[in-house]
């Protein structure tokens, strides 16, 4: 059994001073949502053992804020391959992940994350900023993942939990 959590970065700050899209930071709402989602995931007991984030500033910051707020004890990596990826390139990426991690979180971008949820589960899900989707696969190795082989367990959107005491 494998679980993949897709976490879209928080709302970014289009008015900030940045040289490229890759360097665009989070805004205040994005920062708050990242922390909220980190705490929420901790409450579910579904923390991953490996978190891999896009190297884009807004994605890496989202991952780091969530991990700290939720006090997750997960290995953390950044990989440029998650930035501007396609669902097919992400499938190949995921198939190379280490099997000793049964639950992995990838922190990245749209439209890829919604496309992955759809490709893996057949569900037409929209991933707003800072949303998390958990997909379960009945396989023993990441290498055995295939499109259509996953079950969407949940999709959490931060707006649903803004007034929830954590």
C-alpha atoms as a PDB file:
ATOM      1  CA  UNK A   1       0.000   0.000   0.000  1.00  0.00           C
ATOM      2  CA  UNK A   2       1.308   3.476  -0.935  1.00  0.00           C
ATOM      3  CA  UNK A   3      -0.069   6.932  -0.156  1.00  0.00           C
ATOM      4  CA  UNK A   4       0.729  10.019  -2.177  1.00  0.00           C
ATOM      5  CA  UNK A   5      -0.216  13.456  -0.862  1.00  0.00           C
ATOM      6  CA  UNK A   6      -0.233  16.250  -3.423  1.00  0.00           C
ATOM      7  CA  UNK A   7       0.041  19.690  -1.817  1.00  0.00           C
ATOM      8  CA  UNK A   8      -0.352  22.770  -3.965  1.00  0.00           C
ATOM      9  CA  UNK A   9       1.653  25.792  -2.886  1.00  0.00           C
ATOM     10  CA  UNK A  10      -0.064  28.609  -1.014  1.00  0.00           C
ATOM     11  CA  UNK A  11      -1.314  31.831  -2.581  1.00  0.00           C
ATOM     12  CA  UNK A  12       1.579  33.781  -4.050  1.00  0.00           C
ATOM     13  CA  UNK A  13       2.344  37.483  -3.973  1.00  0.00           C
ATOM     14  CA  UNK A  14       2.141  38.937  -7.472  1.00  0.00           C
ATOM     15  CA  UNK A  15       3.006  42.403  -6.126  1.00  0.00           C
ATOM     16  CA  UNK A  16       6.283  41.348  -4.515  1.00  0.00           C
ATOM     17  CA  UNK A  17       9.650  42.118  -6.055  1.00  0.00           C
ATOM     18  CA  UNK A  18      10.800  38.961  -7.873  1.00  0.00           C
ATOM     19  CA  UNK A  19      12.898  38.423 -10.993  1.00  0.00           C
ATOM     20  CA  UNK A  20      11.204  35.300 -12.306  1.00  0.00           C
ATOM     21  CA  UNK A  21       8.099  33.197 -11.730  1.00  0.00           C
ATOM     22  CA  UNK A  22      10.345  30.671  -9.975  1.00  0.00           C
ATOM     23  CA  UNK A  23      11.184  33.267  -7.298  1.00  0.00           C
ATOM     24  CA  UNK A  24       7.623  34.483  -6.616  1.00  0.00           C
ATOM     25  CA  UNK A  25       6.983  34.349  -2.832  1.00  0.00           C
ATOM     26  CA  UNK A  26       3.871  33.608  -0.797  1.00  0.00           C
ATOM     27  CA  UNK A  27       1.565  36.396   0.285  1.00  0.00           C
ATOM     28  CA  UNK A  28       0.119  36.642   3.809  1.00  0.00           C
ATOM     29  CA  UNK A  29      -2.881  34.469   2.992  1.00  0.00           C
ATOM     30  CA  UNK A  30      -0.585  31.817   1.464  1.00  0.00           C
ATOM     31  CA  UNK A  31       1.616  31.811   4.563  1.00  0.00           C
ATOM     32  CA  UNK A  32      -1.381  31.406   6.876  1.00  0.00           C
ATOM     33  CA  UNK A  33      -2.864  28.626   4.722  1.00  0.00           C
ATOM     34  CA  UNK A  34       0.435  26.706   4.629  1.00  0.00           C
ATOM     35  CA  UNK A  35       0.633  26.752   8.429  1.00  0.00           C
ATOM     36  CA  UNK A  36      -3.045  25.819   8.768  1.00  0.00           C
ATOM     37  CA  UNK A  37      -2.669  22.855   6.430  1.00  0.00           C
ATOM     38  CA  UNK A  38       0.443  21.705   8.268  1.00  0.00           C
ATOM     39  CA  UNK A  39      -1.439  21.661  11.559  1.00  0.00           C
ATOM     40  CA  UNK A  40      -4.479  20.039   9.974  1.00  0.00           C
ATOM     41  CA  UNK A  41      -2.459  17.212   8.473  1.00  0.00           C
ATOM     42  CA  UNK A  42      -0.760  16.638  11.824  1.00  0.00           C
ATOM     43  CA  UNK A  43      -4.191  16.272  13.438  1.00  0.00           C
ATOM     44  CA  UNK A  44      -5.159  13.591  10.905  1.00  0.00           C
ATOM     45  CA  UNK A  45      -2.100  11.486  11.693  1.00  0.00           C
ATOM     46  CA  UNK A  46      -1.379  11.232   7.957  1.00  0.00           C
ATOM     47  CA  UNK A  47       2.028  12.923   7.906  1.00  0.00           C
ATOM     48  CA  UNK A  48       4.306  11.626   5.164  1.00  0.00           C
ATOM     49  CA  UNK A  49       7.785  10.278   5.830  1.00  0.00           C
ATOM     50  CA  UNK A  50       9.184  12.109   2.801  1.00  0.00           C
ATOM     51  CA  UNK A  51       8.295  15.604   1.550  1.00  0.00           C
ATOM     52  CA  UNK A  52       9.617  16.667  -1.851  1.00  0.00           C
ATOM     53  CA  UNK A  53       9.015  20.245  -2.893  1.00  0.00           C
ATOM     54  CA  UNK A  54       9.440  22.123  -6.117  1.00  0.00           C
ATOM     55  CA  UNK A  55      12.381  24.499  -5.906  1.00  0.00           C
ATOM     56  CA  UNK A  56      10.083  27.454  -6.648  1.00  0.00           C
ATOM     57  CA  UNK A  57      10.135  29.835  -3.682  1.00  0.00           C
ATOM     58  CA  UNK A  58       6.378  29.680  -3.082  1.00  0.00           C
ATOM     59  CA  UNK A  59       6.337  25.850  -3.054  1.00  0.00           C
ATOM     60  CA  UNK A  60       9.440  25.409  -0.882  1.00  0.00           C
ATOM     61  CA  UNK A  61       8.151  27.994   1.595  1.00  0.00           C
ATOM     62  CA  UNK A  62       4.743  26.281   1.716  1.00  0.00           C
ATOM     63  CA  UNK A  63       6.368  22.938   2.512  1.00  0.00           C
ATOM     64  CA  UNK A  64       8.669  24.365   5.181  1.00  0.00           C
ATOM     65  CA  UNK A  65       5.918  26.366   6.904  1.00  0.00           C
ATOM     66  CA  UNK A  66       3.540  23.372   6.937  1.00  0.00           C
ATOM     67  CA  UNK A  67       6.199  21.012   8.281  1.00  0.00           C
ATOM     68  CA  UNK A  68       7.150  23.407  11.066  1.00  0.00           C
ATOM     69  CA  UNK A  69       3.555  24.291  12.019  1.00  0.00           C
ATOM     70  CA  UNK A  70       2.530  20.636  12.100  1.00  0.00           C
ATOM     71  CA  UNK A  71       5.754  19.468  13.734  1.00  0.00           C
ATOM     72  CA  UNK A  72       6.154  16.770  11.092  1.00  0.00           C
ATOM     73  CA  UNK A  73       9.146  14.493  11.356  1.00  0.00           C
ATOM     74  CA  UNK A  74       9.700  13.862   7.664  1.00  0.00           C
ATOM     75  CA  UNK A  75      12.710  13.863   5.405  1.00  0.00           C
ATOM     76  CA  UNK A  76      12.659  17.010   3.249  1.00  0.00           C
ATOM     77  CA  UNK A  77      14.043  17.520  -0.233  1.00  0.00           C
ATOM     78  CA  UNK A  78      13.658  20.058  -3.016  1.00  0.00           C
ATOM     79  CA  UNK A  79      13.713  19.090  -6.665  1.00  0.00           C
ATOM     80  CA  UNK A  80      13.512  21.378  -9.678  1.00  0.00           C
ATOM     81  CA  UNK A  81      11.809  18.542 -11.587  1.00  0.00           C
ATOM     82  CA  UNK A  82       8.530  19.386  -9.831  1.00  0.00           C
ATOM     83  CA  UNK A  83       8.495  22.897 -11.319  1.00  0.00           C
ATOM     84  CA  UNK A  84       6.700  23.134 -14.696  1.00  0.00           C
ATOM     85  CA  UNK A  85       6.224  19.359 -14.776  1.00  0.00           C
ATOM     86  CA  UNK A  86       3.528  17.455 -16.651  1.00  0.00           C
ATOM     87  CA  UNK A  87       1.410  14.612 -15.233  1.00  0.00           C
ATOM     88  CA  UNK A  88       3.373  12.091 -17.353  1.00  0.00           C
ATOM     89  CA  UNK A  89       6.763  13.376 -16.205  1.00  0.00           C
ATOM     90  CA  UNK A  90       5.490  13.285 -12.606  1.00  0.00           C
ATOM     91  CA  UNK A  91       4.400   9.660 -13.010  1.00  0.00           C
ATOM     92  CA  UNK A  92       7.941   8.770 -14.065  1.00  0.00           C
ATOM     93  CA  UNK A  93       9.351  10.846 -11.209  1.00  0.00           C
ATOM     94  CA  UNK A  94       7.124   9.146  -8.619  1.00  0.00           C
ATOM     95  CA  UNK A  95       8.035   5.702  -9.939  1.00  0.00           C
ATOM     96  CA  UNK A  96      11.656   6.444  -8.977  1.00  0.00           C
ATOM     97  CA  UNK A  97      10.915   7.346  -5.351  1.00  0.00           C
ATOM     98  CA  UNK A  98      12.426   5.151  -2.614  1.00  0.00           C
ATOM     99  CA  UNK A  99      10.207   2.264  -1.565  1.00  0.00           C
ATOM    100  CA  UNK A 100      11.081   2.556   2.136  1.00  0.00           C
ATOM    101  CA  UNK A 101       8.794   5.608   2.166  1.00  0.00           C
ATOM    102  CA  UNK A 102       5.211   4.343   2.105  1.00  0.00           C
ATOM    103  CA  UNK A 103       3.699   7.827   2.353  1.00  0.00           C
ATOM    104  CA  UNK A 104       5.131  10.690   0.320  1.00  0.00           C
ATOM    105  CA  UNK A 105       4.090  14.311  -0.135  1.00  0.00           C
ATOM    106  CA  UNK A 106       4.890  16.285  -3.262  1.00  0.00           C
ATOM    107  CA  UNK A 107       4.543  20.077  -3.061  1.00  0.00           C
ATOM    108  CA  UNK A 108       4.028  21.742  -6.402  1.00  0.00           C
ATOM    109  CA  UNK A 109       1.914  23.546  -8.911  1.00  0.00           C
ATOM    110  CA  UNK A 110      -1.176  23.757 -11.077  1.00  0.00           C
ATOM    111  CA  UNK A 111      -2.350  22.605 -13.482  1.00  0.00           C
ATOM    112  CA  UNK A 112      -0.173  19.536 -12.912  1.00  0.00           C
ATOM    113  CA  UNK A 113      -1.581  18.616  -9.491  1.00  0.00           C
ATOM    114  CA  UNK A 114      -5.225  18.624 -10.641  1.00  0.00           C
ATOM    115  CA  UNK A 115      -4.139  16.680 -13.717  1.00  0.00           C
ATOM    116  CA  UNK A 116      -2.427  14.068 -11.539  1.00  0.00           C
ATOM    117  CA  UNK A 117      -5.461  13.620  -9.295  1.00  0.00           C
ATOM    118  CA  UNK A 118      -7.582  13.073 -12.392  1.00  0.00           C
ATOM    119  CA  UNK A 119      -5.076  10.765 -14.099  1.00  0.00           C
ATOM    120  CA  UNK A 120      -4.540   8.609 -11.004  1.00  0.00           C
ATOM    121  CA  UNK A 121      -8.151   8.413  -9.799  1.00  0.00           C
ATOM    122  CA  UNK A 122     -10.509   9.487 -12.562  1.00  0.00           C
ATOM    123  CA  UNK A 123     -11.892  12.166 -10.211  1.00  0.00           C
ATOM    124  CA  UNK A 124     -12.197  15.653 -11.655  1.00  0.00           C
ATOM    125  CA  UNK A 125     -10.733  17.603  -8.756  1.00  0.00           C
ATOM    126  CA  UNK A 126      -9.649  21.227  -8.737  1.00  0.00           C
ATOM    127  CA  UNK A 127      -6.665  21.988  -6.506  1.00  0.00           C
ATOM    128  CA  UNK A 128      -6.936  25.582  -5.238  1.00  0.00           C
ATOM    129  CA  UNK A 129      -3.936  27.136  -3.551  1.00  0.00           C
ATOM    130  CA  UNK A 130      -2.761  25.267  -0.419  1.00  0.00           C
ATOM    131  CA  UNK A 131      -5.098  22.315  -1.068  1.00  0.00           C
ATOM    132  CA  UNK A 132      -3.975  18.755  -0.297  1.00  0.00           C
ATOM    133  CA  UNK A 133      -5.172  15.561  -1.947  1.00  0.00           C
ATOM    134  CA  UNK A 134      -4.342  12.075  -0.658  1.00  0.00           C
ATOM    135  CA  UNK A 135      -4.327   9.178  -3.108  1.00  0.00           C
ATOM    136  CA  UNK A 136      -3.955   5.537  -2.078  1.00  0.00           C
ATOM    137  CA  UNK A 137      -2.454   2.890  -4.330  1.00  0.00           C
ATOM    138  CA  UNK A 138      -2.675  -0.855  -3.773  1.00  0.00           C
ATOM    139  CA  UNK A 139       0.893  -1.527  -4.878  1.00  0.00           C
ATOM    140  CA  UNK A 140       3.989  -2.641  -3.028  1.00  0.00           C
ATOM    141  CA  UNK A 141       6.468  -0.418  -4.873  1.00  0.00           C
ATOM    142  CA  UNK A 142       6.331   3.121  -6.226  1.00  0.00           C
ATOM    143  CA  UNK A 143       7.629   1.735  -9.512  1.00  0.00           C
ATOM    144  CA  UNK A 144       4.309  -0.096  -9.970  1.00  0.00           C
ATOM    145  CA  UNK A 145       2.143   3.061  -9.979  1.00  0.00           C
ATOM    146  CA  UNK A 146       0.023   3.660 -13.050  1.00  0.00           C
ATOM    147  CA  UNK A 147      -2.582   6.145 -14.127  1.00  0.00           C
ATOM    148  CA  UNK A 148      -6.057   4.937 -13.164  1.00  0.00           C
ATOM    149  CA  UNK A 149      -4.656   2.878 -10.293  1.00  0.00           C
ATOM    150  CA  UNK A 150      -5.318   5.207  -7.374  1.00  0.00           C
ATOM    151  CA  UNK A 151      -8.179   5.941  -5.006  1.00  0.00           C
ATOM    152  CA  UNK A 152      -8.791   9.522  -3.862  1.00  0.00           C
ATOM    153  CA  UNK A 153      -9.087   9.311  -0.070  1.00  0.00           C
ATOM    154  CA  UNK A 154      -9.558  13.006   0.606  1.00  0.00           C
ATOM    155  CA  UNK A 155      -9.148  16.509  -0.754  1.00  0.00           C
ATOM    156  CA  UNK A 156      -8.672  19.227   1.876  1.00  0.00           C
ATOM    157  CA  UNK A 157      -9.034  22.903   1.016  1.00  0.00           C
ATOM    158  CA  UNK A 158      -7.827  25.530   3.491  1.00  0.00           C
ATOM    159  CA  UNK A 159     -10.925  27.730   3.207  1.00  0.00           C
ATOM    160  CA  UNK A 160     -12.974  24.922   4.773  1.00  0.00           C
ATOM    161  CA  UNK A 161     -10.836  25.022   7.927  1.00  0.00           C
ATOM    162  CA  UNK A 162     -10.092  28.734   8.423  1.00  0.00           C
ATOM    163  CA  UNK A 163     -12.363  28.949  11.484  1.00  0.00           C
ATOM    164  CA  UNK A 164     -11.554  25.471  12.778  1.00  0.00           C
ATOM    165  CA  UNK A 165      -9.549  25.593  16.056  1.00  0.00           C
ATOM    166  CA  UNK A 166      -6.286  23.710  15.644  1.00  0.00           C
END
